[in-house]
Structure formats: C-alpha cells, structure tokens
PDB file of N, CA and C in Angstrom:
ATOM      1  N   MET A   1     325.643   1.719 242.424  1.00  0.00           N
ATOM      2  CA  MET A   1     324.731   2.057 243.502  1.00  0.00           C
ATOM      3  C   MET A   1     323.957   0.794 243.867  1.00  0.00           C
ATOM      4  N   THR A   2     323.952   0.493 245.122  1.00  0.00           N
ATOM      5  CA  THR A   2     323.246  -0.697 245.569  1.00  0.00           C
ATOM      6  C   THR A   2     321.758  -0.404 245.663  1.00  0.00           C
ATOM      7  N   ARG A   3     320.992  -1.418 245.808  1.00  0.00           N
ATOM      8  CA  ARG A   3     319.535  -1.286 245.873  1.00  0.00           C
ATOM      9  C   ARG A   3     319.110  -0.448 247.077  1.00  0.00           C
ATOM     10  N   ASN A   4     319.847  -0.536 248.189  1.00  0.00           N
ATOM     11  CA  ASN A   4     319.495   0.210 249.398  1.00  0.00           C
ATOM     12  C   ASN A   4     319.733   1.704 249.243  1.00  0.00           C
ATOM     13  N   ASP A   5     320.654   2.095 248.368  1.00  0.00           N
ATOM     14  CA  ASP A   5     320.955   3.511 248.165  1.00  0.00           C
ATOM     15  C   ASP A   5     320.070   4.144 247.103  1.00  0.00           C
ATOM     16  N   ASP A   6     319.186   3.371 246.490  1.00  0.00           N
ATOM     17  CA  ASP A   6     318.348   3.871 245.416  1.00  0.00           C
ATOM     18  C   ASP A   6     317.300   4.816 245.996  1.00  0.00           C
ATOM     19  N   PRO A   7     317.351   6.128 245.652  1.00  0.00           N
ATOM     20  CA  PRO A   7     316.372   7.063 246.197  1.00  0.00           C
ATOM     21  C   PRO A   7     314.967   6.809 245.670  1.00  0.00           C
ATOM     22  N   TYR A   8     314.846   6.027 244.599  1.00  0.00           N
ATOM     23  CA  TYR A   8     313.546   5.739 244.014  1.00  0.00           C
ATOM     24  C   TYR A   8     313.027   4.361 244.408  1.00  0.00           C
ATOM     25  N   ALA A   9     313.610   3.756 245.417  1.00  0.00           N
ATOM     26  CA  ALA A   9     313.182   2.425 245.841  1.00  0.00           C
ATOM     27  C   ALA A   9     311.710   2.476 246.243  1.00  0.00           C
ATOM     28  N   GLY A  10     310.952   1.537 245.777  1.00  0.00           N
ATOM     29  CA  GLY A  10     309.548   1.476 246.109  1.00  0.00           C
ATOM     30  C   GLY A  10     308.660   2.263 245.174  1.00  0.00           C
ATOM     31  N   GLN A  11     309.220   2.907 244.162  1.00  0.00           N
ATOM     32  CA  GLN A  11     308.434   3.642 243.181  1.00  0.00           C
ATOM     33  C   GLN A  11     308.419   2.875 241.873  1.00  0.00           C
ATOM     34  N   ASP A  12     307.299   2.952 241.179  1.00  0.00           N
ATOM     35  CA  ASP A  12     307.290   2.341 239.861  1.00  0.00           C
ATOM     36  C   ASP A  12     307.852   3.335 238.850  1.00  0.00           C
ATOM     37  N   ALA A  13     307.966   2.908 237.597  1.00  0.00           N
ATOM     38  CA  ALA A  13     308.606   3.737 236.568  1.00  0.00           C
ATOM     39  C   ALA A  13     307.847   5.038 236.328  1.00  0.00           C
ATOM     40  N   VAL A  14     306.521   5.017 236.427  1.00  0.00           N
ATOM     41  CA  VAL A  14     305.729   6.230 236.200  1.00  0.00           C
ATOM     42  C   VAL A  14     305.980   7.235 237.318  1.00  0.00           C
ATOM     43  N   ASP A  15     305.999   6.770 238.565  1.00  0.00           N
ATOM     44  CA  ASP A  15     306.284   7.665 239.691  1.00  0.00           C
ATOM     45  C   ASP A  15     307.692   8.243 239.582  1.00  0.00           C
ATOM     46  N   ARG A  16     308.634   7.422 239.180  1.00  0.00           N
ATOM     47  CA  ARG A  16     310.019   7.862 239.036  1.00  0.00           C
ATOM     48  C   ARG A  16     310.117   8.955 237.985  1.00  0.00           C
ATOM     49  N   GLU A  17     309.458   8.762 236.855  1.00  0.00           N
ATOM     50  CA  GLU A  17     309.500   9.766 235.787  1.00  0.00           C
ATOM     51  C   GLU A  17     308.794  11.043 236.225  1.00  0.00           C
ATOM     52  N   ALA A  18     307.677  10.915 236.911  1.00  0.00           N
ATOM     53  CA  ALA A  18     306.939  12.087 237.367  1.00  0.00           C
ATOM     54  C   ALA A  18     307.758  12.905 238.363  1.00  0.00           C
ATOM     55  N   SER A  19     308.429  12.242 239.279  1.00  0.00           N
ATOM     56  CA  SER A  19     309.226  12.987 240.252  1.00  0.00           C
ATOM     57  C   SER A  19     310.443  13.626 239.592  1.00  0.00           C
ATOM     58  N   THR A  20     310.977  12.974 238.565  1.00  0.00           N
ATOM     59  CA  THR A  20     312.096  13.558 237.829  1.00  0.00           C
ATOM     60  C   THR A  20     311.635  14.781 237.058  1.00  0.00           C
ATOM     61  N   LEU A  21     310.492  14.693 236.405  1.00  0.00           N
ATOM     62  CA  LEU A  21     309.967  15.831 235.644  1.00  0.00           C
ATOM     63  C   LEU A  21     309.577  16.987 236.565  1.00  0.00           C
ATOM     64  N   ALA A  22     309.163  16.682 237.778  1.00  0.00           N
ATOM     65  CA  ALA A  22     308.774  17.720 238.726  1.00  0.00           C
ATOM     66  C   ALA A  22     309.986  18.417 239.336  1.00  0.00           C
ATOM     67  N   GLY A  23     311.181  17.901 239.058  1.00  0.00           N
ATOM     68  CA  GLY A  23     312.394  18.530 239.555  1.00  0.00           C
ATOM     69  C   GLY A  23     312.759  18.116 240.963  1.00  0.00           C
ATOM     70  N   GLU A  24     312.159  17.049 241.462  1.00  0.00           N
ATOM     71  CA  GLU A  24     312.487  16.592 242.807  1.00  0.00           C
ATOM     72  C   GLU A  24     313.870  15.954 242.802  1.00  0.00           C
ATOM     73  N   GLU A  25     314.664  16.350 243.760  1.00  0.00           N
ATOM     74  CA  GLU A  25     315.990  15.764 243.906  1.00  0.00           C
ATOM     75  C   GLU A  25     316.049  15.039 245.235  1.00  0.00           C
ATOM     76  N   HIS A  26     316.606  13.858 245.217  1.00  0.00           N
ATOM     77  CA  HIS A  26     316.719  13.069 246.428  1.00  0.00           C
ATOM     78  C   HIS A  26     318.145  13.174 246.958  1.00  0.00           C
ATOM     79  N   VAL A  27     318.265  13.428 248.238  1.00  0.00           N
ATOM     80  CA  VAL A  27     319.573  13.556 248.871  1.00  0.00           C
ATOM     81  C   VAL A  27     319.960  12.201 249.447  1.00  0.00           C
ATOM     82  N   THR A  28     321.097  11.694 249.008  1.00  0.00           N
ATOM     83  CA  THR A  28     321.573  10.430 249.556  1.00  0.00           C
ATOM     84  C   THR A  28     322.270  10.691 250.878  1.00  0.00           C
ATOM     85  N   SER A  29     322.582   9.644 251.604  1.00  0.00           N
ATOM     86  CA  SER A  29     323.230   9.816 252.900  1.00  0.00           C
ATOM     87  C   SER A  29     324.620  10.420 252.741  1.00  0.00           C
ATOM     88  N   ALA A  30     325.323  10.098 251.644  1.00  0.00           N
ATOM     89  CA  ALA A  30     326.649  10.677 251.415  1.00  0.00           C
ATOM     90  C   ALA A  30     326.538  12.178 251.156  1.00  0.00           C
ATOM     91  N   GLN A  31     325.523  12.579 250.397  1.00  0.00           N
ATOM     92  CA  GLN A  31     325.333  14.010 250.141  1.00  0.00           C
ATOM     93  C   GLN A  31     324.945  14.733 251.423  1.00  0.00           C
ATOM     94  N   GLY A  32     324.132  14.094 252.240  1.00  0.00           N
ATOM     95  CA  GLY A  32     323.739  14.699 253.510  1.00  0.00           C
ATOM     96  C   GLY A  32     324.922  14.902 254.431  1.00  0.00           C
ATOM     97  N   ARG A  33     325.813  13.907 254.488  1.00  0.00           N
ATOM     98  CA  ARG A  33     327.030  14.040 255.306  1.00  0.00           C
ATOM     99  C   ARG A  33     327.901  15.166 254.779  1.00  0.00           C
ATOM    100  N   LEU A  34     328.025  15.269 253.465  1.00  0.00           N
ATOM    101  CA  LEU A  34     328.852  16.318 252.868  1.00  0.00           C
ATOM    102  C   LEU A  34     328.295  17.698 253.205  1.00  0.00           C
ATOM    103  N   ILE A  35     326.987  17.847 253.112  1.00  0.00           N
ATOM    104  CA  ILE A  35     326.359  19.123 253.463  1.00  0.00           C
ATOM    105  C   ILE A  35     326.598  19.450 254.929  1.00  0.00           C
ATOM    106  N   LEU A  36     326.440  18.481 255.794  1.00  0.00           N
ATOM    107  CA  LEU A  36     326.655  18.699 257.228  1.00  0.00           C
ATOM    108  C   LEU A  36     328.098  19.100 257.514  1.00  0.00           C
ATOM    109  N   LEU A  37     329.044  18.413 256.889  1.00  0.00           N
ATOM    110  CA  LEU A  37     330.451  18.743 257.120  1.00  0.00           C
ATOM    111  C   LEU A  37     330.786  20.144 256.612  1.00  0.00           C
ATOM    112  N   TRP A  38     330.238  20.533 255.469  1.00  0.00           N
ATOM    113  CA  TRP A  38     330.486  21.888 254.977  1.00  0.00           C
ATOM    114  C   TRP A  38     329.874  22.924 255.921  1.00  0.00           C
ATOM    115  N   LEU A  39     328.713  22.635 256.484  1.00  0.00           N
ATOM    116  CA  LEU A  39     328.119  23.574 257.438  1.00  0.00           C
ATOM    117  C   LEU A  39     328.982  23.715 258.678  1.00  0.00           C
ATOM    118  N   ILE A  40     329.580  22.608 259.121  1.00  0.00           N
ATOM    119  CA  ILE A  40     330.469  22.661 260.285  1.00  0.00           C
ATOM    120  C   ILE A  40     331.669  23.554 260.009  1.00  0.00           C
ATOM    121  N   VAL A  41     332.116  23.593 258.768  1.00  0.00           N
ATOM    122  CA  VAL A  41     333.257  24.432 258.390  1.00  0.00           C
ATOM    123  C   VAL A  41     332.820  25.866 258.134  1.00  0.00           C
ATOM    124  N   LEU A  42     331.715  26.046 257.421  1.00  0.00           N
ATOM    125  CA  LEU A  42     331.344  27.384 256.967  1.00  0.00           C
ATOM    126  C   LEU A  42     330.753  28.279 258.044  1.00  0.00           C
ATOM    127  N   ILE A  43     330.067  27.713 259.017  1.00  0.00           N
ATOM    128  CA  ILE A  43     329.463  28.555 260.064  1.00  0.00           C
ATOM    129  C   ILE A  43     330.540  29.267 260.895  1.00  0.00           C
ATOM    130  N   PRO A  44     331.561  28.572 261.417  1.00  0.00           N
ATOM    131  CA  PRO A  44     332.617  29.302 262.133  1.00  0.00           C
ATOM    132  C   PRO A  44     333.414  30.237 261.217  1.00  0.00           C
ATOM    133  N   LEU A  45     333.585  29.848 259.965  1.00  0.00           N
ATOM    134  CA  LEU A  45     334.294  30.714 259.023  1.00  0.00           C
ATOM    135  C   LEU A  45     333.530  32.013 258.811  1.00  0.00           C
ATOM    136  N   ALA A  46     332.227  31.922 258.606  1.00  0.00           N
ATOM    137  CA  ALA A  46     331.410  33.124 258.423  1.00  0.00           C
ATOM    138  C   ALA A  46     331.435  33.997 259.674  1.00  0.00           C
ATOM    139  N   TYR A  47     331.411  33.380 260.836  1.00  0.00           N
ATOM    140  CA  TYR A  47     331.481  34.125 262.097  1.00  0.00           C
ATOM    141  C   TYR A  47     332.805  34.876 262.203  1.00  0.00           C
ATOM    142  N   GLY A  48     333.899  34.214 261.858  1.00  0.00           N
ATOM    143  CA  GLY A  48     335.212  34.849 261.913  1.00  0.00           C
ATOM    144  C   GLY A  48     335.349  35.987 260.920  1.00  0.00           C
ATOM    145  N   VAL A  49     334.841  35.798 259.715  1.00  0.00           N
ATOM    146  CA  VAL A  49     334.898  36.863 258.709  1.00  0.00           C
ATOM    147  C   VAL A  49     334.061  38.050 259.174  1.00  0.00           C
ATOM    148  N   PHE A  50     332.873  37.786 259.708  1.00  0.00           N
ATOM    149  CA  PHE A  50     332.019  38.865 260.199  1.00  0.00           C
ATOM    150  C   PHE A  50     332.713  39.655 261.303  1.00  0.00           C
ATOM    151  N   ASN A  51     333.315  38.964 262.267  1.00  0.00           N
ATOM    152  CA  ASN A  51     334.009  39.661 263.358  1.00  0.00           C
ATOM    153  C   ASN A  51     335.199  40.456 262.840  1.00  0.00           C
ATOM    154  N   THR A  52     335.929  39.921 261.888  1.00  0.00           N
ATOM    155  CA  THR A  52     337.071  40.635 261.323  1.00  0.00           C
ATOM    156  C   THR A  52     336.626  41.916 260.626  1.00  0.00           C
ATOM    157  N   ILE A  53     335.574  41.827 259.846  1.00  0.00           N
ATOM    158  CA  ILE A  53     335.065  43.021 259.157  1.00  0.00           C
ATOM    159  C   ILE A  53     334.531  44.033 260.167  1.00  0.00           C
ATOM    160  N   GLU A  54     333.830  43.545 261.175  1.00  0.00           N
ATOM    161  CA  GLU A  54     333.280  44.437 262.196  1.00  0.00           C
ATOM    162  C   GLU A  54     334.395  45.188 262.930  1.00  0.00           C
ATOM    163  N   LYS A  55     335.469  44.510 263.275  1.00  0.00           N
ATOM    164  CA  LYS A  55     336.571  45.157 263.993  1.00  0.00           C
ATOM    165  C   LYS A  55     337.376  46.079 263.083  1.00  0.00           C
ATOM    166  N   SER A  56     337.433  45.736 261.792  1.00  0.00           N
ATOM    167  CA  SER A  56     338.196  46.585 260.877  1.00  0.00           C
ATOM    168  C   SER A  56     337.465  47.881 260.572  1.00  0.00           C
ATOM    169  N   LEU A  57     336.161  47.916 260.767  1.00  0.00           N
ATOM    170  CA  LEU A  57     335.401  49.147 260.516  1.00  0.00           C
ATOM    171  C   LEU A  57     335.823  50.261 261.483  1.00  0.00           C
ATOM    172  N   ALA A  58     336.350  49.898 262.620  1.00  0.00           N
ATOM    173  CA  ALA A  58     336.807  50.911 263.582  1.00  0.00           C
ATOM    174  C   ALA A  58     338.020  51.671 263.050  1.00  0.00           C
ATOM    175  N   LEU A  59     338.723  51.112 262.083  1.00  0.00           N
ATOM    176  CA  LEU A  59     339.897  51.764 261.519  1.00  0.00           C
ATOM    177  C   LEU A  59     339.535  52.849 260.524  1.00  0.00           C
ATOM    178  N   PHE A  60     338.287  52.884 260.080  1.00  0.00           N
ATOM    179  CA  PHE A  60     337.892  53.857 259.042  1.00  0.00           C
ATOM    180  C   PHE A  60     337.068  54.966 259.604  1.00  0.00           C
TER     181      PHE A  60
END
C-alpha cells in the first residue's frame, strides 16, 4: 500500500489506535468502486426478481 492509499494518513499513532478501537473502518477507493459496481448489478437484479415474483403470484 502506498502512502497515498493509507486511510490513516495524517494521524499519529494514538489517533490510529483510538479509531481502530472505536471500530471505525476506512473505505479505500478500490472498495468504493467495488461497492458501486455491485450496486449497479444488484439493483436491476432485485427489480427483476421482484417483478417475477409479483407476476407469478397471479398463478396462485
């Protein structure tokens, strides 16, 4: 990991430990892209599944 990708850049060791103990998680740009891409896939998928279930209810 390069210095620019360090989510703790600009923090001293005490701040870093405190944020770790507090459970704070930092999202890197790669993780953000991955989340965005999954949302692009999952939103239309959820819409399609919902419509399929809705139309299949007419059969019962």
